[in-house]
Amino acid sequence: GTAEAEAAPTPLLYNSQLVMAPDGSVLAAYDKSFLYVTDKTWATEGAGFSVVELPPPLSLRCALGICMDINPYEFEAPFEAYELARFCAAEEVELLLFSSAWCNRHPEEPPELAQAPDGRETLEYWASRLQPLIRRRDGGGMPRRAYFV
């Protein structure tokens, strides 16, 4: 008989962010947790949100998010679930690094319907999705700082 060649396993691909240290080393790699419909054609869902401790001089607890991560999971979770914001608040995150190629239409809609996203509307939406992080207080009732970049 002849030996049959085994097909090589397909590598898993992720939509990812990296946090780099000043010396060029990787402090953290984050894989997008909530995939958008177009991501699902090529990317694997990440393991979930995580925290990275940024070294001095920043010394901040940092979380990462990519685009769809700020939305309700699969657009099916309740709007008030605030998954990313609640994670950040629970983990006492001080800095949320967020990258996005935000759009205002579904990929299945005709391209001629596409319009440039309204920046103010987008920022207002993001702020609405971050309420648990924005509104958190310390033990004395004072606002806790949180930066969204």
N, C-alpha and C. Protein backbone atom coordinates (compact mmCIF):
# COMPACT_ATOMS: atom_id res chain seq x y z
N GLY A 1 0.81 -1.17 0.00
CA GLY A 1 0.00 0.00 0.00
C GLY A 1 0.85 1.25 0.00
N THR A 2 0.19 2.37 -0.17
CA THR A 2 0.87 3.67 -0.14
C THR A 2 0.43 4.45 1.08
N ALA A 3 1.31 5.25 1.57
CA ALA A 3 1.00 6.10 2.72
C ALA A 3 0.20 7.32 2.25
N GLU A 4 -0.87 7.60 2.94
CA GLU A 4 -1.64 8.79 2.60
C GLU A 4 -1.09 9.98 3.37
N ALA A 5 -0.95 11.08 2.67
CA ALA A 5 -0.48 12.30 3.33
C ALA A 5 -1.59 12.86 4.20
N GLU A 6 -1.23 13.23 5.41
CA GLU A 6 -2.20 13.85 6.31
C GLU A 6 -2.24 15.34 6.02
N ALA A 7 -3.43 15.87 5.99
CA ALA A 7 -3.58 17.32 5.79
C ALA A 7 -3.10 18.05 7.04
N ALA A 8 -2.35 19.11 6.82
CA ALA A 8 -1.88 19.91 7.94
C ALA A 8 -3.07 20.62 8.57
N PRO A 9 -3.10 20.69 9.91
CA PRO A 9 -4.22 21.37 10.55
C PRO A 9 -4.23 22.85 10.16
N THR A 10 -5.42 23.38 10.00
CA THR A 10 -5.56 24.80 9.68
C THR A 10 -5.20 25.61 10.92
N PRO A 11 -4.29 26.56 10.79
CA PRO A 11 -3.93 27.36 11.97
C PRO A 11 -5.09 28.26 12.39
N LEU A 12 -5.20 28.49 13.69
CA LEU A 12 -6.22 29.40 14.19
C LEU A 12 -5.74 30.83 14.02
N LEU A 13 -6.62 31.67 13.52
CA LEU A 13 -6.30 33.08 13.34
C LEU A 13 -7.16 33.91 14.29
N TYR A 14 -6.59 35.01 14.78
CA TYR A 14 -7.28 35.88 15.72
C TYR A 14 -7.18 37.33 15.28
N ASN A 15 -8.14 38.14 15.69
CA ASN A 15 -8.08 39.58 15.55
C ASN A 15 -7.49 40.05 16.87
N SER A 16 -6.26 40.54 16.86
CA SER A 16 -5.50 40.73 18.10
C SER A 16 -4.93 42.13 18.28
N GLN A 17 -4.62 42.43 19.53
CA GLN A 17 -3.88 43.63 19.92
C GLN A 17 -2.67 43.18 20.73
N LEU A 18 -1.61 43.94 20.63
CA LEU A 18 -0.43 43.70 21.46
C LEU A 18 -0.14 44.94 22.29
N VAL A 19 0.35 44.71 23.50
CA VAL A 19 0.86 45.80 24.34
C VAL A 19 2.36 45.57 24.43
N MET A 20 3.11 46.57 23.99
CA MET A 20 4.56 46.46 23.95
C MET A 20 5.20 47.25 25.09
N ALA A 21 6.29 46.72 25.64
CA ALA A 21 7.07 47.42 26.65
C ALA A 21 8.06 48.36 25.96
N PRO A 22 8.59 49.33 26.69
CA PRO A 22 9.57 50.24 26.09
C PRO A 22 10.77 49.52 25.47
N ASP A 23 11.12 48.34 26.00
CA ASP A 23 12.27 47.61 25.45
C ASP A 23 11.91 46.76 24.22
N GLY A 24 10.64 46.83 23.81
CA GLY A 24 10.21 46.08 22.62
C GLY A 24 9.64 44.71 22.91
N SER A 25 9.65 44.29 24.15
CA SER A 25 9.08 42.99 24.49
C SER A 25 7.55 43.10 24.54
N VAL A 26 6.89 41.98 24.38
CA VAL A 26 5.43 41.94 24.41
C VAL A 26 4.97 41.78 25.86
N LEU A 27 4.20 42.76 26.34
CA LEU A 27 3.64 42.67 27.69
C LEU A 27 2.36 41.84 27.70
N ALA A 28 1.58 41.98 26.62
CA ALA A 28 0.32 41.26 26.56
C ALA A 28 -0.14 41.12 25.12
N ALA A 29 -0.82 40.03 24.86
CA ALA A 29 -1.49 39.83 23.58
C ALA A 29 -2.95 39.56 23.91
N TYR A 30 -3.84 40.25 23.24
CA TYR A 30 -5.27 40.09 23.48
C TYR A 30 -5.94 39.69 22.17
N ASP A 31 -6.78 38.68 22.22
CA ASP A 31 -7.54 38.23 21.06
C ASP A 31 -9.00 38.64 21.24
N LYS A 32 -9.54 39.31 20.24
CA LYS A 32 -10.90 39.83 20.27
C LYS A 32 -11.87 38.77 20.77
N SER A 33 -12.70 39.15 21.75
CA SER A 33 -13.63 38.20 22.36
C SER A 33 -14.96 38.11 21.62
N PHE A 34 -15.49 39.25 21.17
CA PHE A 34 -16.80 39.28 20.52
C PHE A 34 -16.58 39.53 19.03
N LEU A 35 -16.75 38.53 18.23
CA LEU A 35 -16.50 38.65 16.79
C LEU A 35 -17.69 39.26 16.07
N TYR A 36 -17.40 40.16 15.14
CA TYR A 36 -18.42 40.74 14.26
C TYR A 36 -18.61 39.76 13.10
N VAL A 37 -19.70 39.90 12.39
CA VAL A 37 -20.03 38.96 11.31
C VAL A 37 -18.87 38.80 10.32
N THR A 38 -18.19 39.87 9.97
CA THR A 38 -17.07 39.76 9.02
C THR A 38 -15.85 39.08 9.64
N ASP A 39 -15.66 39.22 10.96
CA ASP A 39 -14.56 38.52 11.64
C ASP A 39 -14.76 37.02 11.59
N LYS A 40 -16.02 36.61 11.68
CA LYS A 40 -16.33 35.17 11.76
C LYS A 40 -15.93 34.42 10.51
N THR A 41 -15.66 35.12 9.41
CA THR A 41 -15.24 34.45 8.18
C THR A 41 -13.79 34.00 8.25
N TRP A 42 -13.01 34.52 9.21
CA TRP A 42 -11.60 34.16 9.26
C TRP A 42 -11.02 34.04 10.67
N ALA A 43 -11.65 34.64 11.66
CA ALA A 43 -11.04 34.72 13.00
C ALA A 43 -11.68 33.75 13.98
N THR A 44 -10.91 33.40 14.99
CA THR A 44 -11.35 32.57 16.09
C THR A 44 -11.64 33.48 17.28
N GLU A 45 -12.71 33.21 17.99
CA GLU A 45 -13.04 34.01 19.17
C GLU A 45 -11.97 33.82 20.24
N GLY A 46 -11.57 34.94 20.88
CA GLY A 46 -10.57 34.88 21.94
C GLY A 46 -11.12 34.26 23.21
N ALA A 47 -10.24 34.05 24.17
CA ALA A 47 -10.59 33.38 25.42
C ALA A 47 -11.35 34.28 26.40
N GLY A 48 -11.40 35.58 26.15
CA GLY A 48 -12.11 36.49 27.05
C GLY A 48 -11.26 37.68 27.41
N PHE A 49 -11.87 38.62 28.08
CA PHE A 49 -11.19 39.85 28.48
C PHE A 49 -10.11 39.53 29.50
N SER A 50 -9.08 40.36 29.53
CA SER A 50 -8.00 40.15 30.49
C SER A 50 -7.40 41.49 30.89
N VAL A 51 -6.57 41.46 31.91
CA VAL A 51 -5.93 42.65 32.46
C VAL A 51 -4.43 42.51 32.31
N VAL A 52 -3.77 43.61 32.01
CA VAL A 52 -2.31 43.65 32.00
C VAL A 52 -1.88 44.81 32.91
N GLU A 53 -0.88 44.56 33.71
CA GLU A 53 -0.31 45.60 34.57
C GLU A 53 0.77 46.33 33.79
N LEU A 54 0.55 47.61 33.53
CA LEU A 54 1.57 48.39 32.82
C LEU A 54 2.67 48.76 33.80
N PRO A 55 3.94 48.63 33.38
CA PRO A 55 5.05 48.91 34.28
C PRO A 55 5.24 50.41 34.50
N PRO A 56 6.04 50.78 35.52
CA PRO A 56 6.36 52.19 35.73
C PRO A 56 7.00 52.76 34.47
N PRO A 57 6.80 53.99 34.16
CA PRO A 57 6.20 55.01 35.02
C PRO A 57 4.68 55.05 34.97
N LEU A 58 4.04 54.27 34.10
CA LEU A 58 2.57 54.31 34.03
C LEU A 58 1.92 53.62 35.23
N SER A 59 2.34 52.42 35.53
CA SER A 59 1.81 51.66 36.67
C SER A 59 0.29 51.67 36.73
N LEU A 60 -0.33 51.25 35.64
CA LEU A 60 -1.79 51.22 35.55
C LEU A 60 -2.28 49.81 35.25
N ARG A 61 -3.48 49.50 35.78
CA ARG A 61 -4.17 48.28 35.38
C ARG A 61 -4.88 48.58 34.08
N CYS A 62 -4.61 47.78 33.07
CA CYS A 62 -5.08 48.06 31.72
C CYS A 62 -5.84 46.85 31.18
N ALA A 63 -6.90 47.13 30.43
CA ALA A 63 -7.61 46.10 29.70
C ALA A 63 -7.61 46.51 28.23
N LEU A 64 -7.87 45.55 27.36
CA LEU A 64 -7.90 45.82 25.94
C LEU A 64 -9.26 45.41 25.37
N GLY A 65 -9.67 46.12 24.33
CA GLY A 65 -10.91 45.79 23.65
C GLY A 65 -10.77 46.11 22.18
N ILE A 66 -11.45 45.34 21.36
CA ILE A 66 -11.41 45.54 19.91
C ILE A 66 -12.84 45.62 19.40
N CYS A 67 -13.20 46.75 18.86
CA CYS A 67 -14.43 47.01 18.12
C CYS A 67 -15.68 46.34 18.72
N MET A 68 -16.07 45.20 18.25
CA MET A 68 -17.31 44.53 18.65
C MET A 68 -17.32 44.21 20.15
N ASP A 69 -16.17 44.17 20.80
CA ASP A 69 -16.12 43.87 22.23
C ASP A 69 -16.95 44.85 23.06
N ILE A 70 -17.16 46.06 22.57
CA ILE A 70 -17.91 47.06 23.33
C ILE A 70 -19.42 46.85 23.19
N ASN A 71 -19.85 46.06 22.24
CA ASN A 71 -21.27 45.80 21.99
C ASN A 71 -21.78 44.64 22.83
N PRO A 72 -23.10 44.48 22.94
CA PRO A 72 -23.64 43.28 23.58
C PRO A 72 -23.20 42.04 22.77
N TYR A 73 -22.84 40.97 23.45
CA TYR A 73 -22.36 39.76 22.78
C TYR A 73 -23.36 39.31 21.72
N GLU A 74 -22.86 39.15 20.50
CA GLU A 74 -23.65 38.69 19.34
C GLU A 74 -24.85 39.59 19.05
N PHE A 75 -24.88 40.78 19.64
CA PHE A 75 -26.04 41.68 19.56
C PHE A 75 -27.28 40.99 20.12
N GLU A 76 -27.09 39.94 20.92
CA GLU A 76 -28.20 39.20 21.50
C GLU A 76 -28.26 39.37 23.01
N ALA A 77 -27.12 39.62 23.65
CA ALA A 77 -27.11 39.84 25.09
C ALA A 77 -27.88 41.13 25.38
N PRO A 78 -28.46 41.24 26.56
CA PRO A 78 -29.16 42.49 26.89
C PRO A 78 -28.20 43.68 26.81
N PHE A 79 -28.71 44.81 26.34
CA PHE A 79 -27.88 46.02 26.23
C PHE A 79 -27.24 46.33 27.57
N GLU A 80 -27.99 46.11 28.66
CA GLU A 80 -27.52 46.43 30.00
C GLU A 80 -26.52 45.42 30.56
N ALA A 81 -26.14 44.43 29.79
CA ALA A 81 -25.13 43.47 30.26
C ALA A 81 -23.77 44.14 30.38
N TYR A 82 -23.47 45.10 29.52
CA TYR A 82 -22.22 45.87 29.58
C TYR A 82 -21.01 44.99 29.85
N GLU A 83 -20.84 43.92 29.09
CA GLU A 83 -19.84 42.91 29.40
C GLU A 83 -18.43 43.48 29.58
N LEU A 84 -17.95 44.24 28.61
CA LEU A 84 -16.59 44.80 28.69
C LEU A 84 -16.48 45.79 29.83
N ALA A 85 -17.42 46.69 29.96
CA ALA A 85 -17.37 47.70 31.03
C ALA A 85 -17.46 47.07 32.41
N ARG A 86 -18.33 46.09 32.58
CA ARG A 86 -18.45 45.42 33.88
C ARG A 86 -17.17 44.66 34.23
N PHE A 87 -16.56 44.03 33.23
CA PHE A 87 -15.28 43.36 33.47
C PHE A 87 -14.26 44.38 33.96
N CYS A 88 -14.14 45.50 33.26
CA CYS A 88 -13.16 46.53 33.62
C CYS A 88 -13.42 47.08 35.01
N ALA A 89 -14.68 47.33 35.35
CA ALA A 89 -15.01 47.85 36.67
C ALA A 89 -14.67 46.83 37.76
N ALA A 90 -15.03 45.57 37.54
CA ALA A 90 -14.76 44.52 38.52
C ALA A 90 -13.27 44.30 38.73
N GLU A 91 -12.49 44.48 37.67
CA GLU A 91 -11.04 44.26 37.74
C GLU A 91 -10.27 45.54 38.10
N GLU A 92 -11.01 46.60 38.42
CA GLU A 92 -10.42 47.89 38.80
C GLU A 92 -9.45 48.41 37.75
N VAL A 93 -9.85 48.27 36.49
CA VAL A 93 -9.06 48.75 35.36
C VAL A 93 -9.05 50.27 35.36
N GLU A 94 -7.89 50.85 35.12
CA GLU A 94 -7.75 52.31 35.05
C GLU A 94 -7.62 52.80 33.62
N LEU A 95 -7.23 51.91 32.70
CA LEU A 95 -7.02 52.29 31.31
C LEU A 95 -7.58 51.20 30.41
N LEU A 96 -8.47 51.60 29.51
CA LEU A 96 -9.01 50.66 28.52
C LEU A 96 -8.49 51.10 27.17
N LEU A 97 -7.65 50.26 26.56
CA LEU A 97 -7.12 50.53 25.22
C LEU A 97 -8.04 49.85 24.22
N PHE A 98 -8.61 50.67 23.34
CA PHE A 98 -9.68 50.20 22.45
C PHE A 98 -9.31 50.53 21.01
N SER A 99 -9.30 49.53 20.16
CA SER A 99 -9.05 49.78 18.73
C SER A 99 -10.28 49.37 17.95
N SER A 100 -10.54 50.09 16.86
CA SER A 100 -11.77 49.84 16.13
C SER A 100 -11.70 50.37 14.71
N ALA A 101 -12.37 49.68 13.82
CA ALA A 101 -12.65 50.18 12.47
C ALA A 101 -14.18 50.26 12.42
N TRP A 102 -14.74 51.21 13.18
CA TRP A 102 -16.17 51.31 13.42
C TRP A 102 -16.93 51.59 12.13
N CYS A 103 -18.05 50.93 11.97
CA CYS A 103 -18.89 51.17 10.80
C CYS A 103 -20.32 51.36 11.27
N ASN A 104 -21.16 51.88 10.39
CA ASN A 104 -22.54 52.11 10.78
C ASN A 104 -23.52 51.36 9.88
N ARG A 105 -23.06 50.29 9.27
CA ARG A 105 -23.95 49.48 8.45
C ARG A 105 -23.54 48.02 8.57
N HIS A 106 -24.47 47.16 8.28
CA HIS A 106 -24.21 45.72 8.31
C HIS A 106 -23.59 45.33 6.96
N PRO A 107 -22.65 44.40 6.94
CA PRO A 107 -21.99 44.00 5.69
C PRO A 107 -22.94 43.48 4.62
N GLU A 108 -24.11 42.99 5.01
CA GLU A 108 -25.05 42.47 4.02
C GLU A 108 -25.89 43.57 3.38
N GLU A 109 -25.79 44.81 3.88
CA GLU A 109 -26.51 45.92 3.27
C GLU A 109 -25.79 46.36 2.01
N PRO A 110 -26.53 46.88 1.04
CA PRO A 110 -25.89 47.35 -0.21
C PRO A 110 -24.86 48.45 0.07
N PRO A 111 -23.72 48.41 -0.59
CA PRO A 111 -22.66 49.41 -0.38
C PRO A 111 -23.13 50.85 -0.61
N GLU A 112 -24.10 51.04 -1.50
CA GLU A 112 -24.56 52.40 -1.78
C GLU A 112 -25.26 53.04 -0.58
N LEU A 113 -25.62 52.24 0.42
CA LEU A 113 -26.23 52.79 1.63
C LEU A 113 -25.19 53.26 2.63
N ALA A 114 -23.93 52.96 2.38
CA ALA A 114 -22.86 53.30 3.33
C ALA A 114 -22.71 54.81 3.45
N GLN A 115 -22.54 55.25 4.68
CA GLN A 115 -22.26 56.64 4.99
C GLN A 115 -21.14 56.66 6.02
N ALA A 116 -20.42 57.76 6.04
CA ALA A 116 -19.37 57.90 7.06
C ALA A 116 -20.02 57.91 8.44
N PRO A 117 -19.46 57.17 9.40
CA PRO A 117 -20.02 57.20 10.75
C PRO A 117 -19.96 58.62 11.32
N ASP A 118 -20.99 58.98 12.07
CA ASP A 118 -21.03 60.26 12.77
C ASP A 118 -20.18 60.13 14.03
N GLY A 119 -19.09 60.88 14.10
CA GLY A 119 -18.16 60.77 15.22
C GLY A 119 -18.81 61.02 16.57
N ARG A 120 -19.64 62.04 16.66
CA ARG A 120 -20.30 62.36 17.92
C ARG A 120 -21.24 61.22 18.34
N GLU A 121 -22.00 60.71 17.39
CA GLU A 121 -22.92 59.61 17.67
C GLU A 121 -22.16 58.37 18.15
N THR A 122 -21.03 58.10 17.51
CA THR A 122 -20.21 56.95 17.90
C THR A 122 -19.68 57.11 19.32
N LEU A 123 -19.14 58.28 19.65
CA LEU A 123 -18.61 58.52 20.99
C LEU A 123 -19.71 58.43 22.05
N GLU A 124 -20.89 58.94 21.73
CA GLU A 124 -22.01 58.84 22.66
C GLU A 124 -22.41 57.38 22.88
N TYR A 125 -22.38 56.60 21.82
CA TYR A 125 -22.71 55.18 21.96
C TYR A 125 -21.66 54.49 22.83
N TRP A 126 -20.38 54.74 22.55
CA TRP A 126 -19.33 54.11 23.35
C TRP A 126 -19.48 54.49 24.82
N ALA A 127 -19.74 55.77 25.10
CA ALA A 127 -19.93 56.22 26.48
C ALA A 127 -21.11 55.50 27.12
N SER A 128 -22.17 55.29 26.37
CA SER A 128 -23.33 54.57 26.93
C SER A 128 -22.97 53.13 27.26
N ARG A 129 -22.10 52.52 26.48
CA ARG A 129 -21.70 51.13 26.71
C ARG A 129 -20.68 50.99 27.84
N LEU A 130 -20.09 52.11 28.27
CA LEU A 130 -19.05 52.08 29.31
C LEU A 130 -19.57 52.56 30.67
N GLN A 131 -20.87 52.73 30.82
CA GLN A 131 -21.43 53.30 32.04
C GLN A 131 -20.96 52.62 33.33
N PRO A 132 -20.92 51.31 33.44
CA PRO A 132 -20.44 50.73 34.71
C PRO A 132 -19.00 51.13 35.05
N LEU A 133 -18.19 51.38 34.07
CA LEU A 133 -16.82 51.81 34.31
C LEU A 133 -16.78 53.30 34.63
N ILE A 134 -17.54 54.09 33.90
CA ILE A 134 -17.56 55.54 34.09
C ILE A 134 -18.15 55.92 35.45
N ARG A 135 -19.17 55.21 35.89
CA ARG A 135 -19.90 55.58 37.11
C ARG A 135 -19.39 54.93 38.39
N ARG A 136 -18.34 54.14 38.32
CA ARG A 136 -17.90 53.46 39.54
C ARG A 136 -17.33 54.46 40.55
N ARG A 137 -17.43 54.09 41.81
CA ARG A 137 -16.99 54.94 42.92
C ARG A 137 -16.08 54.14 43.84
N ASP A 138 -15.26 54.87 44.59
CA ASP A 138 -14.44 54.19 45.60
C ASP A 138 -15.27 54.03 46.87
N GLY A 139 -14.66 53.48 47.91
CA GLY A 139 -15.37 53.23 49.17
C GLY A 139 -15.93 54.49 49.81
N GLY A 140 -15.34 55.65 49.53
CA GLY A 140 -15.81 56.91 50.08
C GLY A 140 -16.80 57.63 49.18
N GLY A 141 -17.21 56.98 48.10
CA GLY A 141 -18.17 57.59 47.19
C GLY A 141 -17.57 58.51 46.15
N MET A 142 -16.25 58.59 46.10
CA MET A 142 -15.58 59.44 45.12
C MET A 142 -15.44 58.70 43.79
N PRO A 143 -15.55 59.43 42.67
CA PRO A 143 -15.38 58.77 41.36
C PRO A 143 -13.99 58.11 41.23
N ARG A 144 -13.97 56.93 40.63
CA ARG A 144 -12.70 56.25 40.32
C ARG A 144 -12.28 56.65 38.93
N ARG A 145 -11.01 56.91 38.74
CA ARG A 145 -10.54 57.32 37.41
C ARG A 145 -10.51 56.13 36.45
N ALA A 146 -10.83 56.43 35.23
CA ALA A 146 -10.75 55.43 34.17
C ALA A 146 -10.53 56.18 32.87
N TYR A 147 -9.55 55.73 32.09
CA TYR A 147 -9.24 56.35 30.81
C TYR A 147 -9.60 55.39 29.69
N PHE A 148 -10.16 55.94 28.63
CA PHE A 148 -10.56 55.17 27.45
C PHE A 148 -9.79 55.74 26.28
N VAL A 149 -8.89 54.95 25.73
CA VAL A 149 -8.03 55.42 24.62
C VAL A 149 -8.25 54.50 23.44
